[in-house]
Amino acid sequence: MALIPREDAVAQVGAHWSLLEQLFGVNARGFYLTEFAWEPHLPALIASTGLEWLPLPITQFAPDTKGGVYTTEEQGRSVKLITALRPDLEQPAPRCLESDGDFACIVINAEDLIGRTAWLSSLLHALPTHQTVLLSEYIDATPPERLVLTHSCTRFPSQTPPSATSARILWASSRSASLSSVGAPRLPWR
């Protein structure tokens, strides 16, 4: 989105969301920005499409930033940013569910899991000990911490570039009491 004309970006987002609604009956309000290709001028463009939020690497924020929801803006249009963490796959899987705050949005490149079946299994077995929610539910229940301004970014630092077809695994883990009524783990793409 950062490198194509505004009209094309808006049309692509509109076509994508129309297809999601037709196929899955989902009216998505947020999205994953490919390769985390963020530019400071994107909030106005994103807000003009009707989208409300997206995850960005926590490294895009000030060093003292904790996991959570923040707001950024451009030309009077704002979007919410969710801090995203990339786990160290050399550490025990349950450790990636630990967070400095009450919330963690974990992003894993599917290709990074090749040959790591045991690690993924360990992670999935640790999930029931955490409350998982849809990102949209967490965002609805959590007011933004503060306004942030971020710099340009294309991916997590020191991450090898993922292929264009790689899948991402995104989920939210929360210990927030305000979300205690949320049930069992569910797919997080709404």
C-alpha atoms as a PDB file:
ATOM      1  CA  MET A   1       0.000   0.000   0.000  1.00  0.00           C
ATOM      2  CA  ALA A   2       2.839   2.364   0.730  1.00  0.00           C
ATOM      3  CA  LEU A   3       4.231   2.205  -2.814  1.00  0.00           C
ATOM      4  CA  ILE A   4       1.157   2.283  -5.034  1.00  0.00           C
ATOM      5  CA  PRO A   5      -1.076   5.242  -5.932  1.00  0.00           C
ATOM      6  CA  ARG A   6      -3.706   6.085  -3.308  1.00  0.00           C
ATOM      7  CA  GLU A   7      -6.650   5.316  -5.637  1.00  0.00           C
ATOM      8  CA  ASP A   8      -5.228   1.864  -6.417  1.00  0.00           C
ATOM      9  CA  ALA A   9      -4.666   1.103  -2.726  1.00  0.00           C
ATOM     10  CA  VAL A  10      -8.221   2.108  -1.813  1.00  0.00           C
ATOM     11  CA  ALA A  11      -9.616   0.012  -4.702  1.00  0.00           C
ATOM     12  CA  GLN A  12      -7.525  -3.031  -3.716  1.00  0.00           C
ATOM     13  CA  VAL A  13      -8.650  -2.845  -0.088  1.00  0.00           C
ATOM     14  CA  GLY A  14     -12.280  -2.440  -1.166  1.00  0.00           C
ATOM     15  CA  ALA A  15     -12.096  -5.425  -3.519  1.00  0.00           C
ATOM     16  CA  HIS A  16     -10.393  -7.569  -0.882  1.00  0.00           C
ATOM     17  CA  TRP A  17     -12.949  -6.804   1.830  1.00  0.00           C
ATOM     18  CA  SER A  18     -15.852  -7.335  -0.574  1.00  0.00           C
ATOM     19  CA  LEU A  19     -14.472 -10.770  -1.402  1.00  0.00           C
ATOM     20  CA  LEU A  20     -14.027 -11.626   2.303  1.00  0.00           C
ATOM     21  CA  GLU A  21     -17.605 -10.628   2.986  1.00  0.00           C
ATOM     22  CA  GLN A  22     -18.910 -12.678   0.030  1.00  0.00           C
ATOM     23  CA  LEU A  23     -16.885 -15.787   0.869  1.00  0.00           C
ATOM     24  CA  PHE A  24     -16.944 -15.776   4.663  1.00  0.00           C
ATOM     25  CA  GLY A  25     -19.693 -13.360   5.694  1.00  0.00           C
ATOM     26  CA  VAL A  26     -17.107 -11.323   7.602  1.00  0.00           C
ATOM     27  CA  ASN A  27     -17.021  -7.549   7.680  1.00  0.00           C
ATOM     28  CA  ALA A  28     -13.393  -7.049   8.673  1.00  0.00           C
ATOM     29  CA  ARG A  29     -12.340  -3.848  10.429  1.00  0.00           C
ATOM     30  CA  GLY A  30      -8.621  -4.489  10.615  1.00  0.00           C
ATOM     31  CA  PHE A  31      -5.872  -6.078   8.575  1.00  0.00           C
ATOM     32  CA  TYR A  32      -2.281  -7.235   8.429  1.00  0.00           C
ATOM     33  CA  LEU A  33      -0.123  -4.851   6.419  1.00  0.00           C
ATOM     34  CA  THR A  34       2.003  -6.957   4.049  1.00  0.00           C
ATOM     35  CA  GLU A  35       5.612  -7.104   5.174  1.00  0.00           C
ATOM     36  CA  PHE A  36       4.692  -4.472   7.806  1.00  0.00           C
ATOM     37  CA  ALA A  37       5.416  -1.950   5.036  1.00  0.00           C
ATOM     38  CA  TRP A  38       4.408   1.079   7.087  1.00  0.00           C
ATOM     39  CA  GLU A  39       4.763   4.702   6.086  1.00  0.00           C
ATOM     40  CA  PRO A  40       3.688   7.640   8.267  1.00  0.00           C
ATOM     41  CA  HIS A  41       1.247   8.846   5.554  1.00  0.00           C
ATOM     42  CA  LEU A  42      -0.840   5.637   5.706  1.00  0.00           C
ATOM     43  CA  PRO A  43      -3.305   6.500   8.528  1.00  0.00           C
ATOM     44  CA  ALA A  44      -5.354   8.810   6.285  1.00  0.00           C
ATOM     45  CA  LEU A  45      -5.394   6.267   3.451  1.00  0.00           C
ATOM     46  CA  ILE A  46      -6.299   3.361   5.753  1.00  0.00           C
ATOM     47  CA  ALA A  47      -9.033   5.324   7.537  1.00  0.00           C
ATOM     48  CA  SER A  48     -10.510   6.368   4.172  1.00  0.00           C
ATOM     49  CA  THR A  49     -11.097   2.681   3.348  1.00  0.00           C
ATOM     50  CA  GLY A  50     -13.163   2.183   6.504  1.00  0.00           C
ATOM     51  CA  LEU A  51     -10.526   0.043   8.206  1.00  0.00           C
ATOM     52  CA  GLU A  52      -9.905   0.834  11.849  1.00  0.00           C
ATOM     53  CA  TRP A  53      -6.781  -0.996  13.025  1.00  0.00           C
ATOM     54  CA  LEU A  54      -3.661  -2.988  12.179  1.00  0.00           C
ATOM     55  CA  PRO A  55      -0.748  -4.604  14.015  1.00  0.00           C
ATOM     56  CA  LEU A  56       2.753  -3.124  13.772  1.00  0.00           C
ATOM     57  CA  PRO A  57       5.982  -4.489  15.263  1.00  0.00           C
ATOM     58  CA  ILE A  58       6.548  -3.226  18.788  1.00  0.00           C
ATOM     59  CA  THR A  59       9.958  -2.073  17.535  1.00  0.00           C
ATOM     60  CA  GLN A  60       8.075   0.687  15.643  1.00  0.00           C
ATOM     61  CA  PHE A  61       7.120   2.248  18.960  1.00  0.00           C
ATOM     62  CA  ALA A  62       9.121   4.056  21.644  1.00  0.00           C
ATOM     63  CA  PRO A  63      11.404   1.692  23.623  1.00  0.00           C
ATOM     64  CA  ASP A  64       9.260   1.923  26.786  1.00  0.00           C
ATOM     65  CA  THR A  65       6.048   0.933  24.965  1.00  0.00           C
ATOM     66  CA  LYS A  66       4.151  -2.022  26.395  1.00  0.00           C
ATOM     67  CA  GLY A  67       1.875  -4.344  24.439  1.00  0.00           C
ATOM     68  CA  GLY A  68      -1.477  -2.779  23.708  1.00  0.00           C
ATOM     69  CA  VAL A  69      -3.526  -0.477  21.537  1.00  0.00           C
ATOM     70  CA  TYR A  70      -2.371   2.965  20.409  1.00  0.00           C
ATOM     71  CA  THR A  71      -3.662   5.600  17.996  1.00  0.00           C
ATOM     72  CA  THR A  72      -1.818   7.298  15.169  1.00  0.00           C
ATOM     73  CA  GLU A  73      -3.091   9.929  12.783  1.00  0.00           C
ATOM     74  CA  GLU A  74      -2.423  11.893   9.644  1.00  0.00           C
ATOM     75  CA  GLN A  75      -4.473  14.740   8.125  1.00  0.00           C
ATOM     76  CA  GLY A  76      -7.013  14.444  10.933  1.00  0.00           C
ATOM     77  CA  ARG A  77      -7.738  10.747  10.164  1.00  0.00           C
ATOM     78  CA  SER A  78      -6.725   8.152  12.727  1.00  0.00           C
ATOM     79  CA  VAL A  79      -6.261   4.402  12.979  1.00  0.00           C
ATOM     80  CA  LYS A  80      -5.481   2.155  15.920  1.00  0.00           C
ATOM     81  CA  LEU A  81      -2.171   0.325  16.044  1.00  0.00           C
ATOM     82  CA  ILE A  82      -1.714  -2.923  17.949  1.00  0.00           C
ATOM     83  CA  THR A  83       1.779  -3.771  19.127  1.00  0.00           C
ATOM     84  CA  ALA A  84       2.899  -7.042  17.534  1.00  0.00           C
ATOM     85  CA  LEU A  85       5.576  -9.332  18.951  1.00  0.00           C
ATOM     86  CA  ARG A  86       7.700 -11.773  17.008  1.00  0.00           C
ATOM     87  CA  PRO A  87       8.710 -14.674  19.235  1.00  0.00           C
ATOM     88  CA  ASP A  88      12.239 -16.012  19.447  1.00  0.00           C
ATOM     89  CA  LEU A  89      11.797 -19.533  18.047  1.00  0.00           C
ATOM     90  CA  GLU A  90      14.971 -20.635  19.831  1.00  0.00           C
ATOM     91  CA  GLN A  91      13.238 -20.123  23.199  1.00  0.00           C
ATOM     92  CA  PRO A  92      10.617 -22.470  24.688  1.00  0.00           C
ATOM     93  CA  ALA A  93       7.310 -21.882  22.910  1.00  0.00           C
ATOM     94  CA  PRO A  94       5.240 -20.947  25.995  1.00  0.00           C
ATOM     95  CA  ARG A  95       7.642 -18.057  26.651  1.00  0.00           C
ATOM     96  CA  CYS A  96       6.347 -16.239  23.547  1.00  0.00           C
ATOM     97  CA  LEU A  97       2.976 -15.890  25.292  1.00  0.00           C
ATOM     98  CA  GLU A  98       4.592 -13.825  28.055  1.00  0.00           C
ATOM     99  CA  SER A  99       4.168 -10.075  27.816  1.00  0.00           C
ATOM    100  CA  ASP A 100       5.200  -6.960  29.724  1.00  0.00           C
ATOM    101  CA  GLY A 101       1.564  -5.910  29.855  1.00  0.00           C
ATOM    102  CA  ASP A 102      -1.864  -7.489  29.863  1.00  0.00           C
ATOM    103  CA  PHE A 103      -1.831  -8.147  26.142  1.00  0.00           C
ATOM    104  CA  ALA A 104       0.299  -9.740  23.441  1.00  0.00           C
ATOM    105  CA  CYS A 105      -0.364  -9.931  19.714  1.00  0.00           C
ATOM    106  CA  ILE A 106       1.929 -12.646  18.384  1.00  0.00           C
ATOM    107  CA  VAL A 107       2.969 -12.736  14.721  1.00  0.00           C
ATOM    108  CA  ILE A 108       4.752 -15.783  13.325  1.00  0.00           C
ATOM    109  CA  ASN A 109       5.757 -16.330   9.710  1.00  0.00           C
ATOM    110  CA  ALA A 110       4.507 -19.773   8.736  1.00  0.00           C
ATOM    111  CA  GLU A 111       7.744 -20.482   6.862  1.00  0.00           C
ATOM    112  CA  ASP A 112       9.681 -19.948  10.113  1.00  0.00           C
ATOM    113  CA  LEU A 113       7.854 -22.984  11.531  1.00  0.00           C
ATOM    114  CA  ILE A 114       9.182 -25.416   8.927  1.00  0.00           C
ATOM    115  CA  GLY A 115      10.828 -28.245  10.853  1.00  0.00           C
ATOM    116  CA  ARG A 116       9.517 -26.913  14.165  1.00  0.00           C
ATOM    117  CA  THR A 117       6.496 -29.160  14.671  1.00  0.00           C
ATOM    118  CA  ALA A 118       7.397 -29.817  18.324  1.00  0.00           C
ATOM    119  CA  TRP A 119       7.766 -26.074  19.005  1.00  0.00           C
ATOM    120  CA  LEU A 120       4.367 -25.326  17.440  1.00  0.00           C
ATOM    121  CA  SER A 121       2.755 -28.213  19.309  1.00  0.00           C
ATOM    122  CA  SER A 122       4.172 -26.883  22.574  1.00  0.00           C
ATOM    123  CA  LEU A 123       2.825 -23.419  21.798  1.00  0.00           C
ATOM    124  CA  LEU A 124      -0.647 -24.727  20.969  1.00  0.00           C
ATOM    125  CA  HIS A 125      -0.701 -26.780  24.184  1.00  0.00           C
ATOM    126  CA  ALA A 126       0.210 -23.638  26.183  1.00  0.00           C
ATOM    127  CA  LEU A 127      -2.643 -21.585  24.693  1.00  0.00           C
ATOM    128  CA  PRO A 128      -5.404 -22.958  26.978  1.00  0.00           C
ATOM    129  CA  THR A 129      -3.579 -21.455  29.971  1.00  0.00           C
ATOM    130  CA  HIS A 130      -4.095 -17.998  28.422  1.00  0.00           C
ATOM    131  CA  GLN A 131      -7.243 -16.195  27.506  1.00  0.00           C
ATOM    132  CA  THR A 132      -7.359 -15.709  23.749  1.00  0.00           C
ATOM    133  CA  VAL A 133      -9.601 -13.208  22.016  1.00  0.00           C
ATOM    134  CA  LEU A 134     -10.255 -11.820  18.588  1.00  0.00           C
ATOM    135  CA  LEU A 135      -8.141  -8.744  18.013  1.00  0.00           C
ATOM    136  CA  SER A 136     -11.325  -6.781  17.264  1.00  0.00           C
ATOM    137  CA  GLU A 137     -12.794  -7.779  20.659  1.00  0.00           C
ATOM    138  CA  TYR A 138      -9.670  -6.653  22.457  1.00  0.00           C
ATOM    139  CA  ILE A 139      -9.627  -3.361  20.561  1.00  0.00           C
ATOM    140  CA  ASP A 140     -13.322  -2.745  21.297  1.00  0.00           C
ATOM    141  CA  ALA A 141     -12.752  -3.361  25.030  1.00  0.00           C
ATOM    142  CA  THR A 142      -9.497  -1.407  25.318  1.00  0.00           C
ATOM    143  CA  PRO A 143      -9.198   2.343  24.864  1.00  0.00           C
ATOM    144  CA  PRO A 144      -5.974   3.400  23.110  1.00  0.00           C
ATOM    145  CA  GLU A 145      -3.080   4.161  25.459  1.00  0.00           C
ATOM    146  CA  ARG A 146      -1.989   7.342  23.691  1.00  0.00           C
ATOM    147  CA  LEU A 147      -1.267   8.949  20.341  1.00  0.00           C
ATOM    148  CA  VAL A 148       1.957   7.683  18.732  1.00  0.00           C
ATOM    149  CA  LEU A 149       3.854   8.763  15.659  1.00  0.00           C
ATOM    150  CA  THR A 150       5.889   6.047  13.988  1.00  0.00           C
ATOM    151  CA  HIS A 151       8.689   5.943  11.441  1.00  0.00           C
ATOM    152  CA  SER A 152       8.826   3.993   8.173  1.00  0.00           C
ATOM    153  CA  CYS A 153       9.253   0.239   8.436  1.00  0.00           C
ATOM    154  CA  THR A 154       9.204  -2.792   6.140  1.00  0.00           C
ATOM    155  CA  ARG A 155       9.469  -5.764   8.534  1.00  0.00           C
ATOM    156  CA  PHE A 156      10.642  -6.905  11.930  1.00  0.00           C
ATOM    157  CA  PRO A 157      14.340  -6.064  12.377  1.00  0.00           C
ATOM    158  CA  SER A 158      16.716  -8.975  11.713  1.00  0.00           C
ATOM    159  CA  GLN A 159      13.891 -10.975  10.180  1.00  0.00           C
ATOM    160  CA  THR A 160      14.578 -12.683   6.910  1.00  0.00           C
ATOM    161  CA  PRO A 161      12.148 -11.470   4.261  1.00  0.00           C
ATOM    162  CA  PRO A 162       9.158 -13.814   4.005  1.00  0.00           C
ATOM    163  CA  SER A 163       8.004 -15.016   0.635  1.00  0.00           C
ATOM    164  CA  ALA A 164       5.041 -13.326  -1.000  1.00  0.00           C
ATOM    165  CA  THR A 165       2.879 -16.385  -0.400  1.00  0.00           C
ATOM    166  CA  SER A 166       3.782 -17.085   3.226  1.00  0.00           C
ATOM    167  CA  ALA A 167       0.979 -17.205   5.745  1.00  0.00           C
ATOM    168  CA  ARG A 168       0.993 -15.409   9.064  1.00  0.00           C
ATOM    169  CA  ILE A 169      -0.281 -16.687  12.360  1.00  0.00           C
ATOM    170  CA  LEU A 170      -1.799 -13.862  14.374  1.00  0.00           C
ATOM    171  CA  TRP A 171      -3.541 -14.122  17.700  1.00  0.00           C
ATOM    172  CA  ALA A 172      -4.121 -12.137  20.810  1.00  0.00           C
ATOM    173  CA  SER A 173      -3.494 -13.315  24.330  1.00  0.00           C
ATOM    174  CA  SER A 174      -4.889 -11.261  27.162  1.00  0.00           C
ATOM    175  CA  ARG A 175      -5.003 -11.371  30.931  1.00  0.00           C
ATOM    176  CA  SER A 176      -7.356  -8.380  31.108  1.00  0.00           C
ATOM    177  CA  ALA A 177     -10.271  -8.784  33.530  1.00  0.00           C
ATOM    178  CA  SER A 178     -12.524  -6.748  31.225  1.00  0.00           C
ATOM    179  CA  LEU A 179     -12.390  -9.615  28.722  1.00  0.00           C
ATOM    180  CA  SER A 180     -13.189 -12.401  31.195  1.00  0.00           C
ATOM    181  CA  SER A 181     -16.518 -13.157  29.515  1.00  0.00           C
ATOM    182  CA  VAL A 182     -14.820 -14.092  26.258  1.00  0.00           C
ATOM    183  CA  GLY A 183     -14.983 -17.849  25.738  1.00  0.00           C
ATOM    184  CA  ALA A 184     -12.633 -20.451  24.331  1.00  0.00           C
ATOM    185  CA  PRO A 185      -9.886 -19.649  21.830  1.00  0.00           C
ATOM    186  CA  ARG A 186     -11.177 -18.713  18.394  1.00  0.00           C
ATOM    187  CA  LEU A 187      -9.709 -17.735  15.063  1.00  0.00           C
ATOM    188  CA  PRO A 188      -8.439 -14.128  15.279  1.00  0.00           C
ATOM    189  CA  TRP A 189      -9.067 -12.596  11.891  1.00  0.00           C
ATOM    190  CA  ARG A 190     -12.218 -10.560  12.538  1.00  0.00           C
END
